[in-house]
PDB file of N, CA and C in Angstrom:
ATOM      1  N   MET A   1      -3.852  -3.333 -28.475  1.00  0.00           N
ATOM      2  CA  MET A   1      -3.588  -2.304 -27.485  1.00  0.00           C
ATOM      3  C   MET A   1      -2.630  -2.857 -26.434  1.00  0.00           C
ATOM      4  N   THR A   2      -1.578  -2.129 -26.163  1.00  0.00           N
ATOM      5  CA  THR A   2      -0.595  -2.543 -25.182  1.00  0.00           C
ATOM      6  C   THR A   2      -0.777  -1.720 -23.918  1.00  0.00           C
ATOM      7  N   GLU A   3      -1.171  -2.385 -22.849  1.00  0.00           N
ATOM      8  CA  GLU A   3      -1.368  -1.697 -21.576  1.00  0.00           C
ATOM      9  C   GLU A   3      -0.150  -1.897 -20.692  1.00  0.00           C
ATOM     10  N   LYS A   4       0.341  -0.821 -20.145  1.00  0.00           N
ATOM     11  CA  LYS A   4       1.491  -0.830 -19.246  1.00  0.00           C
ATOM     12  C   LYS A   4       1.147  -0.015 -18.009  1.00  0.00           C
ATOM     13  N   PHE A   5       1.881  -0.266 -16.942  1.00  0.00           N
ATOM     14  CA  PHE A   5       1.710   0.519 -15.726  1.00  0.00           C
ATOM     15  C   PHE A   5       2.556   1.779 -15.827  1.00  0.00           C
ATOM     16  N   ILE A   6       1.936   2.922 -15.558  1.00  0.00           N
ATOM     17  CA  ILE A   6       2.654   4.184 -15.455  1.00  0.00           C
ATOM     18  C   ILE A   6       2.163   4.891 -14.200  1.00  0.00           C
ATOM     19  N   ARG A   7       3.022   5.715 -13.652  1.00  0.00           N
ATOM     20  CA  ARG A   7       2.664   6.449 -12.444  1.00  0.00           C
ATOM     21  C   ARG A   7       1.711   7.587 -12.765  1.00  0.00           C
ATOM     22  N   THR A   8       0.722   7.737 -11.920  1.00  0.00           N
ATOM     23  CA  THR A   8      -0.170   8.890 -11.999  1.00  0.00           C
ATOM     24  C   THR A   8      -0.272   9.480 -10.598  1.00  0.00           C
ATOM     25  N   TYR A   9      -0.765  10.676 -10.496  1.00  0.00           N
ATOM     26  CA  TYR A   9      -0.884  11.314  -9.193  1.00  0.00           C
ATOM     27  C   TYR A   9      -2.327  11.692  -8.923  1.00  0.00           C
ATOM     28  N   LYS A  10      -2.764  11.373  -7.714  1.00  0.00           N
ATOM     29  CA  LYS A  10      -4.116  11.657  -7.287  1.00  0.00           C
ATOM     30  C   LYS A  10      -4.070  11.986  -5.799  1.00  0.00           C
ATOM     31  N   LYS A  11      -4.897  12.894  -5.357  1.00  0.00           N
ATOM     32  CA  LYS A  11      -4.941  13.234  -3.939  1.00  0.00           C
ATOM     33  C   LYS A  11      -5.728  12.170  -3.187  1.00  0.00           C
ATOM     34  N   PHE A  12      -5.163  11.729  -2.057  1.00  0.00           N
ATOM     35  CA  PHE A  12      -5.816  10.762  -1.182  1.00  0.00           C
ATOM     36  C   PHE A  12      -5.765  11.293   0.244  1.00  0.00           C
ATOM     37  N   ASP A  13      -6.740  10.934   1.042  1.00  0.00           N
ATOM     38  CA  ASP A  13      -6.735  11.224   2.473  1.00  0.00           C
ATOM     39  C   ASP A  13      -5.748  10.249   3.118  1.00  0.00           C
ATOM     40  N   MET A  14      -4.687  10.769   3.721  1.00  0.00           N
ATOM     41  CA  MET A  14      -3.644   9.912   4.286  1.00  0.00           C
ATOM     42  C   MET A  14      -4.174   9.006   5.394  1.00  0.00           C
ATOM     43  N   ASN A  15      -5.128   9.475   6.176  1.00  0.00           N
ATOM     44  CA  ASN A  15      -5.689   8.624   7.225  1.00  0.00           C
ATOM     45  C   ASN A  15      -6.463   7.457   6.619  1.00  0.00           C
ATOM     46  N   GLU A  16      -7.146   7.703   5.518  1.00  0.00           N
ATOM     47  CA  GLU A  16      -7.861   6.637   4.804  1.00  0.00           C
ATOM     48  C   GLU A  16      -6.868   5.611   4.262  1.00  0.00           C
ATOM     49  N   VAL A  17      -5.804   6.096   3.640  1.00  0.00           N
ATOM     50  CA  VAL A  17      -4.797   5.189   3.075  1.00  0.00           C
ATOM     51  C   VAL A  17      -4.145   4.379   4.184  1.00  0.00           C
ATOM     52  N   ARG A  18      -3.721   5.049   5.237  1.00  0.00           N
ATOM     53  CA  ARG A  18      -3.030   4.372   6.339  1.00  0.00           C
ATOM     54  C   ARG A  18      -3.898   3.280   6.975  1.00  0.00           C
ATOM     55  N   GLY A  19      -5.179   3.509   7.037  1.00  0.00           N
ATOM     56  CA  GLY A  19      -6.082   2.539   7.646  1.00  0.00           C
ATOM     57  C   GLY A  19      -6.402   1.338   6.776  1.00  0.00           C
ATOM     58  N   HIS A  20      -6.006   1.383   5.509  1.00  0.00           N
ATOM     59  CA  HIS A  20      -6.360   0.304   4.580  1.00  0.00           C
ATOM     60  C   HIS A  20      -5.195  -0.111   3.687  1.00  0.00           C
ATOM     61  N   LEU A  21      -3.964   0.112   4.146  1.00  0.00           N
ATOM     62  CA  LEU A  21      -2.784  -0.112   3.317  1.00  0.00           C
ATOM     63  C   LEU A  21      -2.054  -1.396   3.684  1.00  0.00           C
ATOM     64  N   LEU A  22      -1.673  -2.138   2.667  1.00  0.00           N
ATOM     65  CA  LEU A  22      -0.795  -3.296   2.813  1.00  0.00           C
ATOM     66  C   LEU A  22       0.565  -2.876   2.287  1.00  0.00           C
ATOM     67  N   ILE A  23       1.592  -2.939   3.141  1.00  0.00           N
ATOM     68  CA  ILE A  23       2.952  -2.585   2.735  1.00  0.00           C
ATOM     69  C   ILE A  23       3.699  -3.883   2.478  1.00  0.00           C
ATOM     70  N   TYR A  24       4.147  -4.046   1.239  1.00  0.00           N
ATOM     71  CA  TYR A  24       4.785  -5.297   0.837  1.00  0.00           C
ATOM     72  C   TYR A  24       6.282  -5.091   0.713  1.00  0.00           C
ATOM     73  N   GLY A  25       7.050  -5.860   1.485  1.00  0.00           N
ATOM     74  CA  GLY A  25       8.505  -5.794   1.441  1.00  0.00           C
ATOM     75  C   GLY A  25       9.070  -6.934   0.616  1.00  0.00           C
ATOM     76  N   ASP A  26      10.341  -7.215   0.799  1.00  0.00           N
ATOM     77  CA  ASP A  26      10.985  -8.291   0.048  1.00  0.00           C
ATOM     78  C   ASP A  26      10.550  -9.670   0.522  1.00  0.00           C
ATOM     79  N   LEU A  27      10.309  -9.815   1.817  1.00  0.00           N
ATOM     80  CA  LEU A  27       9.992 -11.136   2.361  1.00  0.00           C
ATOM     81  C   LEU A  27       8.553 -11.295   2.821  1.00  0.00           C
ATOM     82  N   SER A  28       7.953 -10.224   3.292  1.00  0.00           N
ATOM     83  CA  SER A  28       6.590 -10.338   3.801  1.00  0.00           C
ATOM     84  C   SER A  28       5.867  -9.009   3.666  1.00  0.00           C
ATOM     85  N   ALA A  29       4.599  -9.026   4.039  1.00  0.00           N
ATOM     86  CA  ALA A  29       3.776  -7.820   3.975  1.00  0.00           C
ATOM     87  C   ALA A  29       3.258  -7.497   5.368  1.00  0.00           C
ATOM     88  N   GLN A  30       2.949  -6.216   5.577  1.00  0.00           N
ATOM     89  CA  GLN A  30       2.405  -5.813   6.867  1.00  0.00           C
ATOM     90  C   GLN A  30       1.246  -4.860   6.678  1.00  0.00           C
ATOM     91  N   CYS A  31       0.374  -4.856   7.658  1.00  0.00           N
ATOM     92  CA  CYS A  31      -0.769  -3.953   7.685  1.00  0.00           C
ATOM     93  C   CYS A  31      -0.295  -2.615   8.243  1.00  0.00           C
ATOM     94  N   ALA A  32      -0.552  -1.539   7.530  1.00  0.00           N
ATOM     95  CA  ALA A  32      -0.141  -0.213   8.003  1.00  0.00           C
ATOM     96  C   ALA A  32      -0.989   0.246   9.184  1.00  0.00           C
ATOM     97  N   ALA A  33      -2.195  -0.274   9.310  1.00  0.00           N
ATOM     98  CA  ALA A  33      -3.091   0.149  10.388  1.00  0.00           C
ATOM     99  C   ALA A  33      -2.664  -0.400  11.744  1.00  0.00           C
ATOM    100  N   CYS A  34      -2.322  -1.689  11.808  1.00  0.00           N
ATOM    101  CA  CYS A  34      -2.014  -2.313  13.104  1.00  0.00           C
ATOM    102  C   CYS A  34      -0.615  -2.916  13.172  1.00  0.00           C
ATOM    103  N   GLN A  35       0.136  -2.840  12.086  1.00  0.00           N
ATOM    104  CA  GLN A  35       1.502  -3.359  11.998  1.00  0.00           C
ATOM    105  C   GLN A  35       1.592  -4.882  12.040  1.00  0.00           C
ATOM    106  N   ALA A  36       0.487  -5.584  11.818  1.00  0.00           N
ATOM    107  CA  ALA A  36       0.528  -7.049  11.742  1.00  0.00           C
ATOM    108  C   ALA A  36       1.427  -7.445  10.571  1.00  0.00           C
ATOM    109  N   VAL A  37       2.206  -8.507  10.749  1.00  0.00           N
ATOM    110  CA  VAL A  37       3.148  -8.932   9.710  1.00  0.00           C
ATOM    111  C   VAL A  37       2.762 -10.282   9.128  1.00  0.00           C
ATOM    112  N   ASP A  38       3.471 -10.656   8.085  1.00  0.00           N
ATOM    113  CA  ASP A  38       3.287 -11.933   7.382  1.00  0.00           C
ATOM    114  C   ASP A  38       1.926 -12.057   6.715  1.00  0.00           C
ATOM    115  N   LEU A  39       1.387 -10.946   6.235  1.00  0.00           N
ATOM    116  CA  LEU A  39       0.139 -10.995   5.482  1.00  0.00           C
ATOM    117  C   LEU A  39       0.441 -11.460   4.060  1.00  0.00           C
ATOM    118  N   LYS A  40      -0.535 -12.025   3.419  1.00  0.00           N
ATOM    119  CA  LYS A  40      -0.393 -12.517   2.044  1.00  0.00           C
ATOM    120  C   LYS A  40      -1.000 -11.507   1.080  1.00  0.00           C
ATOM    121  N   LEU A  41      -0.479 -11.489  -0.136  1.00  0.00           N
ATOM    122  CA  LEU A  41      -1.005 -10.589  -1.168  1.00  0.00           C
ATOM    123  C   LEU A  41      -2.468 -10.868  -1.472  1.00  0.00           C
ATOM    124  N   GLU A  42      -2.887 -12.109  -1.304  1.00  0.00           N
ATOM    125  CA  GLU A  42      -4.246 -12.509  -1.656  1.00  0.00           C
ATOM    126  C   GLU A  42      -5.286 -12.062  -0.631  1.00  0.00           C
ATOM    127  N   GLU A  43      -4.841 -11.650   0.547  1.00  0.00           N
ATOM    128  CA  GLU A  43      -5.792 -11.296   1.603  1.00  0.00           C
ATOM    129  C   GLU A  43      -6.514  -9.996   1.267  1.00  0.00           C
ATOM    130  N   THR A  44      -7.796  -9.968   1.539  1.00  0.00           N
ATOM    131  CA  THR A  44      -8.593  -8.769   1.276  1.00  0.00           C
ATOM    132  C   THR A  44      -8.796  -7.938   2.538  1.00  0.00           C
ATOM    133  N   ALA A  45      -8.465  -8.511   3.694  1.00  0.00           N
ATOM    134  CA  ALA A  45      -8.567  -7.797   4.970  1.00  0.00           C
ATOM    135  C   ALA A  45      -7.469  -8.298   5.901  1.00  0.00           C
ATOM    136  N   CYS A  46      -7.071  -7.457   6.824  1.00  0.00           N
ATOM    137  CA  CYS A  46      -6.056  -7.837   7.801  1.00  0.00           C
ATOM    138  C   CYS A  46      -6.666  -8.842   8.775  1.00  0.00           C
ATOM    139  N   PRO A  47      -6.009  -9.973   9.007  1.00  0.00           N
ATOM    140  CA  PRO A  47      -6.565 -10.955   9.938  1.00  0.00           C
ATOM    141  C   PRO A  47      -6.558 -10.480  11.397  1.00  0.00           C
ATOM    142  N   LYS A  48      -5.716  -9.504  11.721  1.00  0.00           N
ATOM    143  CA  LYS A  48      -5.626  -9.031  13.102  1.00  0.00           C
ATOM    144  C   LYS A  48      -6.639  -7.922  13.404  1.00  0.00           C
ATOM    145  N   CYS A  49      -6.635  -6.853  12.593  1.00  0.00           N
ATOM    146  CA  CYS A  49      -7.527  -5.711  12.879  1.00  0.00           C
ATOM    147  C   CYS A  49      -8.749  -5.671  11.964  1.00  0.00           C
ATOM    148  N   HIS A  50      -8.807  -6.566  10.997  1.00  0.00           N
ATOM    149  CA  HIS A  50      -9.929  -6.712  10.059  1.00  0.00           C
ATOM    150  C   HIS A  50     -10.141  -5.500   9.146  1.00  0.00           C
ATOM    151  N   ALA A  51      -9.105  -4.667   9.000  1.00  0.00           N
ATOM    152  CA  ALA A  51      -9.199  -3.529   8.078  1.00  0.00           C
ATOM    153  C   ALA A  51      -9.211  -4.055   6.647  1.00  0.00           C
ATOM    154  N   GLU A  52     -10.140  -3.546   5.853  1.00  0.00           N
ATOM    155  CA  GLU A  52     -10.201  -3.927   4.443  1.00  0.00           C
ATOM    156  C   GLU A  52      -8.975  -3.364   3.725  1.00  0.00           C
ATOM    157  N   ILE A  53      -8.320  -4.183   2.925  1.00  0.00           N
ATOM    158  CA  ILE A  53      -7.140  -3.741   2.183  1.00  0.00           C
ATOM    159  C   ILE A  53      -7.597  -3.148   0.858  1.00  0.00           C
ATOM    160  N   LYS A  54      -7.430  -1.820   0.748  1.00  0.00           N
ATOM    161  CA  LYS A  54      -7.828  -1.095  -0.456  1.00  0.00           C
ATOM    162  C   LYS A  54      -6.620  -0.581  -1.230  1.00  0.00           C
ATOM    163  N   TYR A  55      -5.463  -0.525  -0.551  1.00  0.00           N
ATOM    164  CA  TYR A  55      -4.253   0.040  -1.141  1.00  0.00           C
ATOM    165  C   TYR A  55      -3.086  -0.905  -0.891  1.00  0.00           C
ATOM    166  N   ILE A  56      -2.110  -0.874  -1.788  1.00  0.00           N
ATOM    167  CA  ILE A  56      -0.891  -1.645  -1.598  1.00  0.00           C
ATOM    168  C   ILE A  56       0.286  -0.785  -2.013  1.00  0.00           C
ATOM    169  N   ALA A  57       1.373  -0.884  -1.245  1.00  0.00           N
ATOM    170  CA  ALA A  57       2.611  -0.174  -1.566  1.00  0.00           C
ATOM    171  C   ALA A  57       3.753  -1.175  -1.456  1.00  0.00           C
ATOM    172  N   PHE A  58       4.665  -1.115  -2.384  1.00  0.00           N
ATOM    173  CA  PHE A  58       5.831  -1.993  -2.387  1.00  0.00           C
ATOM    174  C   PHE A  58       7.050  -1.197  -1.948  1.00  0.00           C
ATOM    175  N   ARG A  59       7.778  -1.730  -0.956  1.00  0.00           N
ATOM    176  CA  ARG A  59       8.997  -1.051  -0.509  1.00  0.00           C
ATOM    177  C   ARG A  59      10.008  -0.956  -1.654  1.00  0.00           C
ATOM    178  N   ASN A  60      10.080  -1.988  -2.488  1.00  0.00           N
ATOM    179  CA  ASN A  60      10.963  -1.998  -3.653  1.00  0.00           C
ATOM    180  C   ASN A  60      10.130  -2.427  -4.857  1.00  0.00           C
ATOM    181  N   VAL A  61       9.476  -1.483  -5.486  1.00  0.00           N
ATOM    182  CA  VAL A  61       8.521  -1.805  -6.550  1.00  0.00           C
ATOM    183  C   VAL A  61       9.198  -2.470  -7.747  1.00  0.00           C
ATOM    184  N   ARG A  62      10.434  -2.131  -8.023  1.00  0.00           N
ATOM    185  CA  ARG A  62      11.117  -2.711  -9.190  1.00  0.00           C
ATOM    186  C   ARG A  62      11.248  -4.228  -9.081  1.00  0.00           C
ATOM    187  N   SER A  63      11.472  -4.732  -7.890  1.00  0.00           N
ATOM    188  CA  SER A  63      11.612  -6.180  -7.733  1.00  0.00           C
ATOM    189  C   SER A  63      10.270  -6.902  -7.781  1.00  0.00           C
ATOM    190  N   HIS A  64       9.177  -6.157  -7.711  1.00  0.00           N
ATOM    191  CA  HIS A  64       7.847  -6.769  -7.711  1.00  0.00           C
ATOM    192  C   HIS A  64       7.022  -6.439  -8.949  1.00  0.00           C
ATOM    193  N   LEU A  65       7.642  -5.872  -9.968  1.00  0.00           N
ATOM    194  CA  LEU A  65       6.903  -5.512 -11.182  1.00  0.00           C
ATOM    195  C   LEU A  65       6.117  -6.673 -11.783  1.00  0.00           C
ATOM    196  N   PRO A  66       6.662  -7.893 -11.833  1.00  0.00           N
ATOM    197  CA  PRO A  66       5.865  -8.999 -12.392  1.00  0.00           C
ATOM    198  C   PRO A  66       4.575  -9.275 -11.612  1.00  0.00           C
ATOM    199  N   LYS A  67       4.567  -8.972 -10.321  1.00  0.00           N
ATOM    200  CA  LYS A  67       3.382  -9.219  -9.495  1.00  0.00           C
ATOM    201  C   LYS A  67       2.260  -8.222  -9.781  1.00  0.00           C
ATOM    202  N   LEU A  68       2.599  -7.066 -10.324  1.00  0.00           N
ATOM    203  CA  LEU A  68       1.588  -6.038 -10.560  1.00  0.00           C
ATOM    204  C   LEU A  68       0.499  -6.517 -11.509  1.00  0.00           C
ATOM    205  N   GLN A  69       0.877  -7.208 -12.575  1.00  0.00           N
ATOM    206  CA  GLN A  69      -0.117  -7.731 -13.523  1.00  0.00           C
ATOM    207  C   GLN A  69      -1.071  -8.696 -12.826  1.00  0.00           C
ATOM    208  N   LYS A  70      -0.501  -9.592 -12.029  1.00  0.00           N
ATOM    209  CA  LYS A  70      -1.307 -10.588 -11.316  1.00  0.00           C
ATOM    210  C   LYS A  70      -2.253  -9.916 -10.315  1.00  0.00           C
ATOM    211  N   ILE A  71      -1.722  -8.973  -9.555  1.00  0.00           N
ATOM    212  CA  ILE A  71      -2.538  -8.274  -8.561  1.00  0.00           C
ATOM    213  C   ILE A  71      -3.661  -7.505  -9.242  1.00  0.00           C
ATOM    214  N   ASN A  72      -3.336  -6.824 -10.322  1.00  0.00           N
ATOM    215  CA  ASN A  72      -4.337  -6.047 -11.041  1.00  0.00           C
ATOM    216  C   ASN A  72      -5.423  -6.944 -11.623  1.00  0.00           C
ATOM    217  N   ALA A  73      -5.055  -8.130 -12.084  1.00  0.00           N
ATOM    218  CA  ALA A  73      -6.045  -9.063 -12.635  1.00  0.00           C
ATOM    219  C   ALA A  73      -6.934  -9.633 -11.531  1.00  0.00           C
ATOM    220  N   GLN A  74      -6.340  -9.967 -10.383  1.00  0.00           N
ATOM    221  CA  GLN A  74      -7.100 -10.564  -9.284  1.00  0.00           C
ATOM    222  C   GLN A  74      -7.944  -9.538  -8.534  1.00  0.00           C
ATOM    223  N   ARG A  75      -7.401  -8.338  -8.354  1.00  0.00           N
ATOM    224  CA  ARG A  75      -8.094  -7.310  -7.565  1.00  0.00           C
ATOM    225  C   ARG A  75      -8.014  -5.968  -8.276  1.00  0.00           C
ATOM    226  N   PRO A  76      -8.819  -5.772  -9.309  1.00  0.00           N
ATOM    227  CA  PRO A  76      -8.730  -4.537 -10.098  1.00  0.00           C
ATOM    228  C   PRO A  76      -9.068  -3.264  -9.320  1.00  0.00           C
ATOM    229  N   GLY A  77      -9.771  -3.366  -8.216  1.00  0.00           N
ATOM    230  CA  GLY A  77     -10.120  -2.189  -7.423  1.00  0.00           C
ATOM    231  C   GLY A  77      -9.042  -1.762  -6.448  1.00  0.00           C
ATOM    232  N   LEU A  78      -7.984  -2.548  -6.321  1.00  0.00           N
ATOM    233  CA  LEU A  78      -6.897  -2.252  -5.390  1.00  0.00           C
ATOM    234  C   LEU A  78      -6.016  -1.148  -5.971  1.00  0.00           C
ATOM    235  N   HIS A  79      -5.783  -0.097  -5.199  1.00  0.00           N
ATOM    236  CA  HIS A  79      -4.944   1.015  -5.645  1.00  0.00           C
ATOM    237  C   HIS A  79      -3.491   0.716  -5.294  1.00  0.00           C
ATOM    238  N   ILE A  80      -2.609   0.824  -6.259  1.00  0.00           N
ATOM    239  CA  ILE A  80      -1.179   0.641  -6.034  1.00  0.00           C
ATOM    240  C   ILE A  80      -0.588   2.031  -5.853  1.00  0.00           C
ATOM    241  N   ILE A  81       0.005   2.266  -4.676  1.00  0.00           N
ATOM    242  CA  ILE A  81       0.564   3.587  -4.401  1.00  0.00           C
ATOM    243  C   ILE A  81       2.076   3.484  -4.235  1.00  0.00           C
ATOM    244  N   ASP A  82       2.752   4.610  -4.383  1.00  0.00           N
ATOM    245  CA  ASP A  82       4.204   4.659  -4.261  1.00  0.00           C
ATOM    246  C   ASP A  82       4.584   4.708  -2.782  1.00  0.00           C
ATOM    247  N   TYR A  83       5.409   3.772  -2.332  1.00  0.00           N
ATOM    248  CA  TYR A  83       5.775   3.694  -0.925  1.00  0.00           C
ATOM    249  C   TYR A  83       6.549   4.933  -0.474  1.00  0.00           C
ATOM    250  N   GLU A  84       7.454   5.417  -1.307  1.00  0.00           N
ATOM    251  CA  GLU A  84       8.248   6.587  -0.928  1.00  0.00           C
ATOM    252  C   GLU A  84       7.360   7.812  -0.725  1.00  0.00           C
ATOM    253  N   ASP A  85       6.373   7.989  -1.592  1.00  0.00           N
ATOM    254  CA  ASP A  85       5.426   9.098  -1.418  1.00  0.00           C
ATOM    255  C   ASP A  85       4.661   8.940  -0.108  1.00  0.00           C
ATOM    256  N   TYR A  86       4.193   7.723   0.151  1.00  0.00           N
ATOM    257  CA  TYR A  86       3.441   7.446   1.379  1.00  0.00           C
ATOM    258  C   TYR A  86       4.301   7.724   2.613  1.00  0.00           C
ATOM    259  N   ALA A  87       5.526   7.201   2.629  1.00  0.00           N
ATOM    260  CA  ALA A  87       6.403   7.362   3.786  1.00  0.00           C
ATOM    261  C   ALA A  87       6.743   8.837   4.017  1.00  0.00           C
ATOM    262  N   ARG A  88       6.975   9.579   2.958  1.00  0.00           N
ATOM    263  CA  ARG A  88       7.294  11.004   3.078  1.00  0.00           C
ATOM    264  C   ARG A  88       6.109  11.775   3.674  1.00  0.00           C
ATOM    265  N   GLU A  89       4.916  11.527   3.167  1.00  0.00           N
ATOM    266  CA  GLU A  89       3.733  12.230   3.674  1.00  0.00           C
ATOM    267  C   GLU A  89       3.395  11.813   5.100  1.00  0.00           C
ATOM    268  N   LEU A  90       3.604  10.537   5.416  1.00  0.00           N
ATOM    269  CA  LEU A  90       3.365  10.063   6.780  1.00  0.00           C
ATOM    270  C   LEU A  90       4.335  10.737   7.747  1.00  0.00           C
ATOM    271  N   GLY A  91       5.588  10.860   7.350  1.00  0.00           N
ATOM    272  CA  GLY A  91       6.580  11.553   8.170  1.00  0.00           C
ATOM    273  C   GLY A  91       6.206  13.005   8.398  1.00  0.00           C
ATOM    274  N   ALA A  92       5.723  13.662   7.360  1.00  0.00           N
ATOM    275  CA  ALA A  92       5.293  15.060   7.486  1.00  0.00           C
ATOM    276  C   ALA A  92       4.112  15.174   8.443  1.00  0.00           C
ATOM    277  N   MET A  93       3.176  14.228   8.362  1.00  0.00           N
ATOM    278  CA  MET A  93       2.023  14.238   9.274  1.00  0.00           C
ATOM    279  C   MET A  93       2.471  14.063  10.725  1.00  0.00           C
ATOM    280  N   LYS A  94       3.396  13.122  10.951  1.00  0.00           N
ATOM    281  CA  LYS A  94       3.882  12.869  12.311  1.00  0.00           C
ATOM    282  C   LYS A  94       4.631  14.078  12.858  1.00  0.00           C
ATOM    283  N   ALA A  95       5.424  14.729  12.019  1.00  0.00           N
ATOM    284  CA  ALA A  95       6.158  15.919  12.452  1.00  0.00           C
ATOM    285  C   ALA A  95       5.194  17.043  12.812  1.00  0.00           C
ATOM    286  N   LYS A  96       4.167  17.213  12.013  1.00  0.00           N
ATOM    287  CA  LYS A  96       3.173  18.257  12.273  1.00  0.00           C
ATOM    288  C   LYS A  96       2.456  17.995  13.597  1.00  0.00           C
ATOM    289  N   GLU A  97       2.103  16.733  13.852  1.00  0.00           N
ATOM    290  CA  GLU A  97       1.451  16.368  15.117  1.00  0.00           C
ATOM    291  C   GLU A  97       2.386  16.620  16.302  1.00  0.00           C
ATOM    292  N   PHE A  98       3.661  16.278  16.129  1.00  0.00           N
ATOM    293  CA  PHE A  98       4.640  16.440  17.199  1.00  0.00           C
ATOM    294  C   PHE A  98       4.826  17.910  17.560  1.00  0.00           C
ATOM    295  N   LEU A  99       4.790  18.775  16.558  1.00  0.00           N
ATOM    296  CA  LEU A  99       5.030  20.198  16.785  1.00  0.00           C
ATOM    297  C   LEU A  99       3.799  20.962  17.256  1.00  0.00           C
ATOM    298  N   LYS A 100       2.670  20.311  17.364  1.00  0.00           N
ATOM    299  CA  LYS A 100       1.452  20.983  17.849  1.00  0.00           C
ATOM    300  C   LYS A 100       1.552  21.291  19.318  1.00  0.00           C
TER     301      LYS A 100
END
């Protein structure tokens, strides 16, 4: 059996995701909840705000594809989400709040 990563879609509460998301860039990672930087992929919680990391998003997922296998093996319960989807929905939430 050959297992590969493919995109799927599932509804998530954006506040839940934002409070437990690790955003991984080219050089470092940051906590979406408190914006702490230089987090490691291996961390299970943010050292600054102590939020449990349940989700991860890669700013450039194509450059990090080899890491997905490792992350999935080390932390099978971690949800990998699409950064562009997250950023778009977060922007929509902020706009809605601003217009209230």
